[in-house]
Every structure is written in C-alpha cells, then in structure tokens.
Amino acid sequence: LIGELCNGFQLLMDKDKGLITFESLKRSSSLLGLQDL
C-alpha cells in the first residue's frame, strides 16, 4: 500500500520540484476525475 501511495505521489508531483504543487495538481486533476473542481 505504501508503495502504491508513493507511485500516486510520483504521478501527481511536479517533476522539477519533487512536490505536489497547485500547478501539478491542477494539471493532473483530470487523471483523478477532478477536472471540474
């Protein structure tokens, strides 16, 4: 489970910053079904 959560983090994070930022979350929101937020 921890491994899968880490994979999810990698998918959502800003590759340059190594963090989930507002911009990276907004870019990835459609992957989560959250494009309408």
PDB file of all heavy atoms in Angstrom:
ATOM      1  N   LEU A   1       0.832  -1.203   0.000  1.00  0.00           N
ATOM      2  CA  LEU A   1       0.000   0.000   0.000  1.00  0.00           C
ATOM      3  C   LEU A   1       0.868   1.256   0.000  1.00  0.00           C
ATOM      4  O   LEU A   1       0.626   2.186  -0.771  1.00  0.00           O
ATOM      5  CB  LEU A   1      -0.945   0.022   1.200  1.00  0.00           C
ATOM      6  CG  LEU A   1      -1.796   1.283   1.338  1.00  0.00           C
ATOM      7  CD1 LEU A   1      -2.727   1.455   0.139  1.00  0.00           C
ATOM      8  CD2 LEU A   1      -2.590   1.252   2.620  1.00  0.00           C
ATOM      9  N   ILE A   2       1.891   1.272   0.833  1.00  0.00           N
ATOM     10  CA  ILE A   2       2.794   2.430   0.874  1.00  0.00           C
ATOM     11  C   ILE A   2       3.457   2.615  -0.487  1.00  0.00           C
ATOM     12  O   ILE A   2       3.587   3.737  -0.983  1.00  0.00           O
ATOM     13  CB  ILE A   2       3.846   2.286   1.993  1.00  0.00           C
ATOM     14  CG1 ILE A   2       3.186   2.239   3.365  1.00  0.00           C
ATOM     15  CG2 ILE A   2       4.891   3.396   1.913  1.00  0.00           C
ATOM     16  CD1 ILE A   2       2.400   3.480   3.733  1.00  0.00           C
ATOM     17  N   GLY A   3       3.840   1.518  -1.116  1.00  0.00           N
ATOM     18  CA  GLY A   3       4.433   1.592  -2.451  1.00  0.00           C
ATOM     19  C   GLY A   3       3.483   2.209  -3.462  1.00  0.00           C
ATOM     20  O   GLY A   3       3.878   3.039  -4.282  1.00  0.00           O
ATOM     21  N   GLU A   4       2.222   1.811  -3.400  1.00  0.00           N
ATOM     22  CA  GLU A   4       1.223   2.368  -4.323  1.00  0.00           C
ATOM     23  C   GLU A   4       0.965   3.849  -4.041  1.00  0.00           C
ATOM     24  O   GLU A   4       0.769   4.638  -4.967  1.00  0.00           O
ATOM     25  CB  GLU A   4      -0.088   1.581  -4.258  1.00  0.00           C
ATOM     26  CG  GLU A   4      -0.006   0.238  -4.938  1.00  0.00           C
ATOM     27  CD  GLU A   4       0.404   0.337  -6.405  1.00  0.00           C
ATOM     28  OE1 GLU A   4      -0.196   1.133  -7.161  1.00  0.00           O
ATOM     29  OE2 GLU A   4       1.334  -0.390  -6.797  1.00  0.00           O
ATOM     30  N   LEU A   5       0.952   4.226  -2.763  1.00  0.00           N
ATOM     31  CA  LEU A   5       0.796   5.649  -2.441  1.00  0.00           C
ATOM     32  C   LEU A   5       1.979   6.449  -2.983  1.00  0.00           C
ATOM     33  O   LEU A   5       1.799   7.554  -3.512  1.00  0.00           O
ATOM     34  CB  LEU A   5       0.654   5.847  -0.928  1.00  0.00           C
ATOM     35  CG  LEU A   5      -0.673   5.395  -0.324  1.00  0.00           C
ATOM     36  CD1 LEU A   5      -0.633   5.542   1.190  1.00  0.00           C
ATOM     37  CD2 LEU A   5      -1.845   6.159  -0.906  1.00  0.00           C
ATOM     38  N   CYS A   6       3.164   5.888  -2.875  1.00  0.00           N
ATOM     39  CA  CYS A   6       4.351   6.566  -3.417  1.00  0.00           C
ATOM     40  C   CYS A   6       4.245   6.701  -4.934  1.00  0.00           C
ATOM     41  O   CYS A   6       4.619   7.735  -5.499  1.00  0.00           O
ATOM     42  CB  CYS A   6       5.619   5.819  -3.031  1.00  0.00           C
ATOM     43  SG  CYS A   6       5.996   5.919  -1.267  1.00  0.00           S
ATOM     44  N   ASN A   7       3.722   5.672  -5.598  1.00  0.00           N
ATOM     45  CA  ASN A   7       3.507   5.753  -7.049  1.00  0.00           C
ATOM     46  C   ASN A   7       2.511   6.858  -7.379  1.00  0.00           C
ATOM     47  O   ASN A   7       2.692   7.597  -8.351  1.00  0.00           O
ATOM     48  CB  ASN A   7       3.000   4.423  -7.602  1.00  0.00           C
ATOM     49  CG  ASN A   7       4.059   3.348  -7.601  1.00  0.00           C
ATOM     50  OD1 ASN A   7       5.247   3.629  -7.549  1.00  0.00           O
ATOM     51  ND2 ASN A   7       3.627   2.105  -7.637  1.00  0.00           N
ATOM     52  N   GLY A   8       1.443   6.963  -6.583  1.00  0.00           N
ATOM     53  CA  GLY A   8       0.457   8.025  -6.780  1.00  0.00           C
ATOM     54  C   GLY A   8       1.078   9.397  -6.609  1.00  0.00           C
ATOM     55  O   GLY A   8       0.792  10.324  -7.374  1.00  0.00           O
ATOM     56  N   PHE A   9       1.944   9.530  -5.612  1.00  0.00           N
ATOM     57  CA  PHE A   9       2.633  10.797  -5.398  1.00  0.00           C
ATOM     58  C   PHE A   9       3.471  11.150  -6.621  1.00  0.00           C
ATOM     59  O   PHE A   9       3.434  12.286  -7.103  1.00  0.00           O
ATOM     60  CB  PHE A   9       3.517  10.719  -4.148  1.00  0.00           C
ATOM     61  CG  PHE A   9       4.336  11.955  -3.939  1.00  0.00           C
ATOM     62  CD1 PHE A   9       3.778  13.075  -3.349  1.00  0.00           C
ATOM     63  CD2 PHE A   9       5.663  12.009  -4.352  1.00  0.00           C
ATOM     64  CE1 PHE A   9       4.521  14.235  -3.173  1.00  0.00           C
ATOM     65  CE2 PHE A   9       6.415  13.156  -4.181  1.00  0.00           C
ATOM     66  CZ  PHE A   9       5.837  14.268  -3.583  1.00  0.00           C
ATOM     67  N   GLN A  10       4.217  10.183  -7.138  1.00  0.00           N
ATOM     68  CA  GLN A  10       5.075  10.411  -8.311  1.00  0.00           C
ATOM     69  C   GLN A  10       4.250  10.886  -9.510  1.00  0.00           C
ATOM     70  O   GLN A  10       4.688  11.750 -10.269  1.00  0.00           O
ATOM     71  CB  GLN A  10       5.823   9.124  -8.686  1.00  0.00           C
ATOM     72  CG  GLN A  10       6.787   8.634  -7.646  1.00  0.00           C
ATOM     73  CD  GLN A  10       7.986   9.524  -7.475  1.00  0.00           C
ATOM     74  OE1 GLN A  10       8.501  10.072  -8.439  1.00  0.00           O
ATOM     75  NE2 GLN A  10       8.434   9.686  -6.250  1.00  0.00           N
ATOM     76  N   LEU A  11       3.057  10.325  -9.653  1.00  0.00           N
ATOM     77  CA  LEU A  11       2.177  10.686 -10.758  1.00  0.00           C
ATOM     78  C   LEU A  11       1.707  12.144 -10.661  1.00  0.00           C
ATOM     79  O   LEU A  11       1.585  12.831 -11.676  1.00  0.00           O
ATOM     80  CB  LEU A  11       0.964   9.751 -10.761  1.00  0.00           C
ATOM     81  CG  LEU A  11      -0.057   9.937 -11.857  1.00  0.00           C
ATOM     82  CD1 LEU A  11       0.531   9.549 -13.203  1.00  0.00           C
ATOM     83  CD2 LEU A  11      -1.291   9.095 -11.562  1.00  0.00           C
ATOM     84  N   LEU A  12       1.466  12.618  -9.441  1.00  0.00           N
ATOM     85  CA  LEU A  12       0.894  13.943  -9.239  1.00  0.00           C
ATOM     86  C   LEU A  12       1.923  15.047  -9.030  1.00  0.00           C
ATOM     87  O   LEU A  12       1.597  16.226  -9.153  1.00  0.00           O
ATOM     88  CB  LEU A  12      -0.049  13.918  -8.029  1.00  0.00           C
ATOM     89  CG  LEU A  12      -1.241  12.976  -8.140  1.00  0.00           C
ATOM     90  CD1 LEU A  12      -1.987  12.929  -6.816  1.00  0.00           C
ATOM     91  CD2 LEU A  12      -2.146  13.383  -9.275  1.00  0.00           C
ATOM     92  N   MET A  13       3.145  14.697  -8.718  1.00  0.00           N
ATOM     93  CA  MET A  13       4.117  15.724  -8.330  1.00  0.00           C
ATOM     94  C   MET A  13       4.670  16.497  -9.518  1.00  0.00           C
ATOM     95  O   MET A  13       4.669  16.027 -10.651  1.00  0.00           O
ATOM     96  CB  MET A  13       5.265  15.101  -7.548  1.00  0.00           C
ATOM     97  CG  MET A  13       6.273  14.375  -8.387  1.00  0.00           C
ATOM     98  SD  MET A  13       7.685  13.855  -7.394  1.00  0.00           S
ATOM     99  CE  MET A  13       8.785  13.346  -8.694  1.00  0.00           C
ATOM    100  N   ASP A  14       5.141  17.686  -9.216  1.00  0.00           N
ATOM    101  CA  ASP A  14       5.901  18.497 -10.152  1.00  0.00           C
ATOM    102  C   ASP A  14       7.285  17.853 -10.236  1.00  0.00           C
ATOM    103  O   ASP A  14       7.983  17.756  -9.233  1.00  0.00           O
ATOM    104  CB  ASP A  14       5.995  19.933  -9.627  1.00  0.00           C
ATOM    105  CG  ASP A  14       6.816  20.834 -10.512  1.00  0.00           C
ATOM    106  OD1 ASP A  14       7.986  20.509 -10.788  1.00  0.00           O
ATOM    107  OD2 ASP A  14       6.284  21.885 -10.913  1.00  0.00           O
ATOM    108  N   LYS A  15       7.667  17.402 -11.400  1.00  0.00           N
ATOM    109  CA  LYS A  15       8.921  16.642 -11.557  1.00  0.00           C
ATOM    110  C   LYS A  15      10.152  17.471 -11.198  1.00  0.00           C
ATOM    111  O   LYS A  15      11.136  16.932 -10.707  1.00  0.00           O
ATOM    112  CB  LYS A  15       9.060  16.109 -12.985  1.00  0.00           C
ATOM    113  CG  LYS A  15       7.898  15.275 -13.472  1.00  0.00           C
ATOM    114  CD  LYS A  15       7.655  14.048 -12.636  1.00  0.00           C
ATOM    115  CE  LYS A  15       6.523  13.231 -13.230  1.00  0.00           C
ATOM    116  NZ  LYS A  15       5.601  12.679 -12.297  1.00  0.00           N
ATOM    117  N   ASP A  16      10.109  18.771 -11.422  1.00  0.00           N
ATOM    118  CA  ASP A  16      11.260  19.622 -11.115  1.00  0.00           C
ATOM    119  C   ASP A  16      11.388  19.904  -9.623  1.00  0.00           C
ATOM    120  O   ASP A  16      12.494  19.980  -9.095  1.00  0.00           O
ATOM    121  CB  ASP A  16      11.172  20.950 -11.868  1.00  0.00           C
ATOM    122  CG  ASP A  16      11.280  20.769 -13.377  1.00  0.00           C
ATOM    123  OD1 ASP A  16      11.981  19.833 -13.819  1.00  0.00           O
ATOM    124  OD2 ASP A  16      10.648  21.548 -14.115  1.00  0.00           O
ATOM    125  N   LYS A  17      10.256  20.051  -8.943  1.00  0.00           N
ATOM    126  CA  LYS A  17      10.275  20.415  -7.519  1.00  0.00           C
ATOM    127  C   LYS A  17      10.206  19.212  -6.597  1.00  0.00           C
ATOM    128  O   LYS A  17      10.525  19.318  -5.415  1.00  0.00           O
ATOM    129  CB  LYS A  17       9.119  21.368  -7.204  1.00  0.00           C
ATOM    130  CG  LYS A  17       9.234  22.686  -7.936  1.00  0.00           C
ATOM    131  CD  LYS A  17       8.090  23.605  -7.622  1.00  0.00           C
ATOM    132  CE  LYS A  17       8.245  24.907  -8.401  1.00  0.00           C
ATOM    133  NZ  LYS A  17       7.108  25.784  -8.220  1.00  0.00           N
ATOM    134  N   GLY A  18       9.734  18.069  -7.095  1.00  0.00           N
ATOM    135  CA  GLY A  18       9.604  16.880  -6.254  1.00  0.00           C
ATOM    136  C   GLY A  18       8.478  17.003  -5.243  1.00  0.00           C
ATOM    137  O   GLY A  18       8.479  16.323  -4.215  1.00  0.00           O
ATOM    138  N   LEU A  19       7.512  17.883  -5.523  1.00  0.00           N
ATOM    139  CA  LEU A  19       6.389  18.145  -4.631  1.00  0.00           C
ATOM    140  C   LEU A  19       5.095  18.182  -5.444  1.00  0.00           C
ATOM    141  O   LEU A  19       5.122  18.447  -6.649  1.00  0.00           O
ATOM    142  CB  LEU A  19       6.548  19.511  -3.950  1.00  0.00           C
ATOM    143  CG  LEU A  19       7.771  19.737  -3.089  1.00  0.00           C
ATOM    144  CD1 LEU A  19       7.910  21.225  -2.763  1.00  0.00           C
ATOM    145  CD2 LEU A  19       7.680  18.928  -1.811  1.00  0.00           C
ATOM    146  N   ILE A  20       3.976  17.939  -4.778  1.00  0.00           N
ATOM    147  CA  ILE A  20       2.685  18.193  -5.411  1.00  0.00           C
ATOM    148  C   ILE A  20       2.375  19.654  -5.162  1.00  0.00           C
ATOM    149  O   ILE A  20       2.180  20.082  -4.027  1.00  0.00           O
ATOM    150  CB  ILE A  20       1.577  17.293  -4.838  1.00  0.00           C
ATOM    151  CG1 ILE A  20       1.882  15.817  -5.114  1.00  0.00           C
ATOM    152  CG2 ILE A  20       0.218  17.682  -5.444  1.00  0.00           C
ATOM    153  CD1 ILE A  20       0.904  14.849  -4.477  1.00  0.00           C
ATOM    154  N   THR A  21       2.375  20.428  -6.227  1.00  0.00           N
ATOM    155  CA  THR A  21       2.086  21.854  -6.156  1.00  0.00           C
ATOM    156  C   THR A  21       0.675  22.088  -6.678  1.00  0.00           C
ATOM    157  O   THR A  21       0.059  21.190  -7.261  1.00  0.00           O
ATOM    158  CB  THR A  21       3.075  22.651  -7.029  1.00  0.00           C
ATOM    159  OG1 THR A  21       2.898  22.248  -8.393  1.00  0.00           O
ATOM    160  CG2 THR A  21       4.516  22.416  -6.592  1.00  0.00           C
ATOM    161  N   PHE A  22       0.190  23.305  -6.512  1.00  0.00           N
ATOM    162  CA  PHE A  22      -1.115  23.642  -7.068  1.00  0.00           C
ATOM    163  C   PHE A  22      -1.123  23.385  -8.579  1.00  0.00           C
ATOM    164  O   PHE A  22      -2.054  22.792  -9.113  1.00  0.00           O
ATOM    165  CB  PHE A  22      -1.467  25.105  -6.776  1.00  0.00           C
ATOM    166  CG  PHE A  22      -2.665  25.572  -7.544  1.00  0.00           C
ATOM    167  CD1 PHE A  22      -3.938  25.152  -7.193  1.00  0.00           C
ATOM    168  CD2 PHE A  22      -2.509  26.410  -8.637  1.00  0.00           C
ATOM    169  CE1 PHE A  22      -5.050  25.561  -7.924  1.00  0.00           C
ATOM    170  CE2 PHE A  22      -3.611  26.829  -9.377  1.00  0.00           C
ATOM    171  CZ  PHE A  22      -4.887  26.402  -9.010  1.00  0.00           C
ATOM    172  N   GLU A  23      -0.071  23.822  -9.245  1.00  0.00           N
ATOM    173  CA  GLU A  23       0.002  23.676 -10.693  1.00  0.00           C
ATOM    174  C   GLU A  23       0.014  22.201 -11.106  1.00  0.00           C
ATOM    175  O   GLU A  23      -0.673  21.810 -12.046  1.00  0.00           O
ATOM    176  CB  GLU A  23       1.244  24.387 -11.253  1.00  0.00           C
ATOM    177  CG  GLU A  23       1.199  25.887 -11.132  1.00  0.00           C
ATOM    178  CD  GLU A  23       1.554  26.410  -9.722  1.00  0.00           C
ATOM    179  OE1 GLU A  23       2.116  25.648  -8.896  1.00  0.00           O
ATOM    180  OE2 GLU A  23       1.253  27.582  -9.451  1.00  0.00           O
ATOM    181  N   SER A  24       0.797  21.377 -10.410  1.00  0.00           N
ATOM    182  CA  SER A  24       0.853  19.960 -10.787  1.00  0.00           C
ATOM    183  C   SER A  24      -0.464  19.258 -10.468  1.00  0.00           C
ATOM    184  O   SER A  24      -0.894  18.371 -11.214  1.00  0.00           O
ATOM    185  CB  SER A  24       2.035  19.250 -10.109  1.00  0.00           C
ATOM    186  OG  SER A  24       1.857  19.110  -8.717  1.00  0.00           O
ATOM    187  N   LEU A  25      -1.109  19.649  -9.370  1.00  0.00           N
ATOM    188  CA  LEU A  25      -2.412  19.062  -9.032  1.00  0.00           C
ATOM    189  C   LEU A  25      -3.456  19.466 -10.070  1.00  0.00           C
ATOM    190  O   LEU A  25      -4.245  18.631 -10.516  1.00  0.00           O
ATOM    191  CB  LEU A  25      -2.847  19.497  -7.635  1.00  0.00           C
ATOM    192  CG  LEU A  25      -4.145  18.897  -7.119  1.00  0.00           C
ATOM    193  CD1 LEU A  25      -4.069  17.375  -7.055  1.00  0.00           C
ATOM    194  CD2 LEU A  25      -4.466  19.460  -5.731  1.00  0.00           C
ATOM    195  N   LYS A  26      -3.423  20.721 -10.484  1.00  0.00           N
ATOM    196  CA  LYS A  26      -4.378  21.188 -11.488  1.00  0.00           C
ATOM    197  C   LYS A  26      -4.164  20.452 -12.812  1.00  0.00           C
ATOM    198  O   LYS A  26      -5.113  20.030 -13.461  1.00  0.00           O
ATOM    199  CB  LYS A  26      -4.248  22.701 -11.676  1.00  0.00           C
ATOM    200  CG  LYS A  26      -5.302  23.265 -12.581  1.00  0.00           C
ATOM    201  CD  LYS A  26      -5.331  24.770 -12.518  1.00  0.00           C
ATOM    202  CE  LYS A  26      -6.397  25.275 -13.454  1.00  0.00           C
ATOM    203  NZ  LYS A  26      -7.097  26.407 -12.945  1.00  0.00           N
ATOM    204  N   ARG A  27      -2.890  20.289 -13.205  1.00  0.00           N
ATOM    205  CA  ARG A  27      -2.567  19.567 -14.433  1.00  0.00           C
ATOM    206  C   ARG A  27      -3.037  18.116 -14.377  1.00  0.00           C
ATOM    207  O   ARG A  27      -3.474  17.551 -15.363  1.00  0.00           O
ATOM    208  CB  ARG A  27      -1.047  19.578 -14.642  1.00  0.00           C
ATOM    209  CG  ARG A  27      -0.569  20.324 -15.825  1.00  0.00           C
ATOM    210  CD  ARG A  27       0.913  20.156 -16.125  1.00  0.00           C
ATOM    211  NE  ARG A  27       1.790  19.797 -15.039  1.00  0.00           N
ATOM    212  CZ  ARG A  27       2.433  20.655 -14.244  1.00  0.00           C
ATOM    213  NH1 ARG A  27       2.268  21.947 -14.403  1.00  0.00           N
ATOM    214  NH2 ARG A  27       3.232  20.222 -13.304  1.00  0.00           N
ATOM    215  N   SER A  28      -2.931  17.492 -13.206  1.00  0.00           N
ATOM    216  CA  SER A  28      -3.252  16.075 -13.041  1.00  0.00           C
ATOM    217  C   SER A  28      -4.694  15.824 -12.621  1.00  0.00           C
ATOM    218  O   SER A  28      -5.094  14.667 -12.496  1.00  0.00           O
ATOM    219  CB  SER A  28      -2.331  15.466 -11.972  1.00  0.00           C
ATOM    220  OG  SER A  28      -0.994  15.665 -12.293  1.00  0.00           O
ATOM    221  N   SER A  29      -5.458  16.867 -12.399  1.00  0.00           N
ATOM    222  CA  SER A  29      -6.800  16.696 -11.838  1.00  0.00           C
ATOM    223  C   SER A  29      -7.699  15.813 -12.695  1.00  0.00           C
ATOM    224  O   SER A  29      -8.528  15.077 -12.163  1.00  0.00           O
ATOM    225  CB  SER A  29      -7.461  18.050 -11.568  1.00  0.00           C
ATOM    226  OG  SER A  29      -7.608  18.779 -12.758  1.00  0.00           O
ATOM    227  N   SER A  30      -7.520  15.847 -13.998  1.00  0.00           N
ATOM    228  CA  SER A  30      -8.370  15.008 -14.849  1.00  0.00           C
ATOM    229  C   SER A  30      -8.064  13.526 -14.650  1.00  0.00           C
ATOM    230  O   SER A  30      -8.951  12.683 -14.797  1.00  0.00           O
ATOM    231  CB  SER A  30      -8.237  15.395 -16.315  1.00  0.00           C
ATOM    232  OG  SER A  30      -6.918  15.179 -16.755  1.00  0.00           O
ATOM    233  N   LEU A  31      -6.825  13.191 -14.303  1.00  0.00           N
ATOM    234  CA  LEU A  31      -6.477  11.792 -14.002  1.00  0.00           C
ATOM    235  C   LEU A  31      -7.259  11.277 -12.795  1.00  0.00           C
ATOM    236  O   LEU A  31      -7.512  10.083 -12.673  1.00  0.00           O
ATOM    237  CB  LEU A  31      -4.981  11.652 -13.704  1.00  0.00           C
ATOM    238  CG  LEU A  31      -4.018  11.953 -14.831  1.00  0.00           C
ATOM    239  CD1 LEU A  31      -2.588  11.965 -14.301  1.00  0.00           C
ATOM    240  CD2 LEU A  31      -4.173  10.950 -15.952  1.00  0.00           C
ATOM    241  N   LEU A  32      -7.606  12.195 -11.893  1.00  0.00           N
ATOM    242  CA  LEU A  32      -8.315  11.844 -10.666  1.00  0.00           C
ATOM    243  C   LEU A  32      -9.822  11.995 -10.806  1.00  0.00           C
ATOM    244  O   LEU A  32     -10.560  11.752  -9.857  1.00  0.00           O
ATOM    245  CB  LEU A  32      -7.834  12.748  -9.517  1.00  0.00           C
ATOM    246  CG  LEU A  32      -6.353  12.747  -9.233  1.00  0.00           C
ATOM    247  CD1 LEU A  32      -6.001  13.847  -8.246  1.00  0.00           C
ATOM    248  CD2 LEU A  32      -5.921  11.398  -8.705  1.00  0.00           C
ATOM    249  N   GLY A  33     -10.276  12.433 -11.973  1.00  0.00           N
ATOM    250  CA  GLY A  33     -11.702  12.693 -12.161  1.00  0.00           C
ATOM    251  C   GLY A  33     -12.138  13.983 -11.493  1.00  0.00           C
ATOM    252  O   GLY A  33     -13.305  14.171 -11.178  1.00  0.00           O
ATOM    253  N   LEU A  34     -11.190  14.895 -11.269  1.00  0.00           N
ATOM    254  CA  LEU A  34     -11.465  16.142 -10.551  1.00  0.00           C
ATOM    255  C   LEU A  34     -11.359  17.366 -11.450  1.00  0.00           C
ATOM    256  O   LEU A  34     -11.194  18.481 -10.966  1.00  0.00           O
ATOM    257  CB  LEU A  34     -10.493  16.292  -9.373  1.00  0.00           C
ATOM    258  CG  LEU A  34     -10.468  15.153  -8.369  1.00  0.00           C
ATOM    259  CD1 LEU A  34      -9.371  15.381  -7.334  1.00  0.00           C
ATOM    260  CD2 LEU A  34     -11.821  15.014  -7.689  1.00  0.00           C
ATOM    261  N   GLN A  35     -11.449  17.177 -12.754  1.00  0.00           N
ATOM    262  CA  GLN A  35     -11.256  18.279 -13.688  1.00  0.00           C
ATOM    263  C   GLN A  35     -12.264  19.405 -13.521  1.00  0.00           C
ATOM    264  O   GLN A  35     -12.014  20.525 -13.931  1.00  0.00           O
ATOM    265  CB  GLN A  35     -11.258  17.775 -15.138  1.00  0.00           C
ATOM    266  CG  GLN A  35     -12.545  17.147 -15.594  1.00  0.00           C
ATOM    267  CD  GLN A  35     -12.664  15.670 -15.259  1.00  0.00           C
ATOM    268  OE1 GLN A  35     -11.835  15.114 -14.555  1.00  0.00           O
ATOM    269  NE2 GLN A  35     -13.712  15.039 -15.757  1.00  0.00           N
ATOM    270  N   ASP A  36     -13.400  19.128 -12.880  1.00  0.00           N
ATOM    271  CA  ASP A  36     -14.423  20.162 -12.691  1.00  0.00           C
ATOM    272  C   ASP A  36     -14.259  20.965 -11.401  1.00  0.00           C
ATOM    273  O   ASP A  36     -15.033  21.890 -11.153  1.00  0.00           O
ATOM    274  CB  ASP A  36     -15.825  19.529 -12.715  1.00  0.00           C
ATOM    275  CG  ASP A  36     -16.149  18.924 -14.077  1.00  0.00           C
ATOM    276  OD1 ASP A  36     -15.606  19.414 -15.091  1.00  0.00           O
ATOM    277  OD2 ASP A  36     -16.928  17.959 -14.126  1.00  0.00           O
ATOM    278  N   LEU A  37     -13.263  20.620 -10.587  1.00  0.00           N
ATOM    279  CA  LEU A  37     -13.060  21.377  -9.346  1.00  0.00           C
ATOM    280  C   LEU A  37     -12.495  22.755  -9.647  1.00  0.00           C
ATOM    281  O   LEU A  37     -11.676  22.930 -10.548  1.00  0.00           O
ATOM    282  CB  LEU A  37     -12.102  20.633  -8.412  1.00  0.00           C
ATOM    283  CG  LEU A  37     -12.637  19.370  -7.751  1.00  0.00           C
ATOM    284  CD1 LEU A  37     -11.585  18.776  -6.832  1.00  0.00           C
ATOM    285  CD2 LEU A  37     -13.910  19.644  -6.966  1.00  0.00           C
TER     286      LEU A  37
END
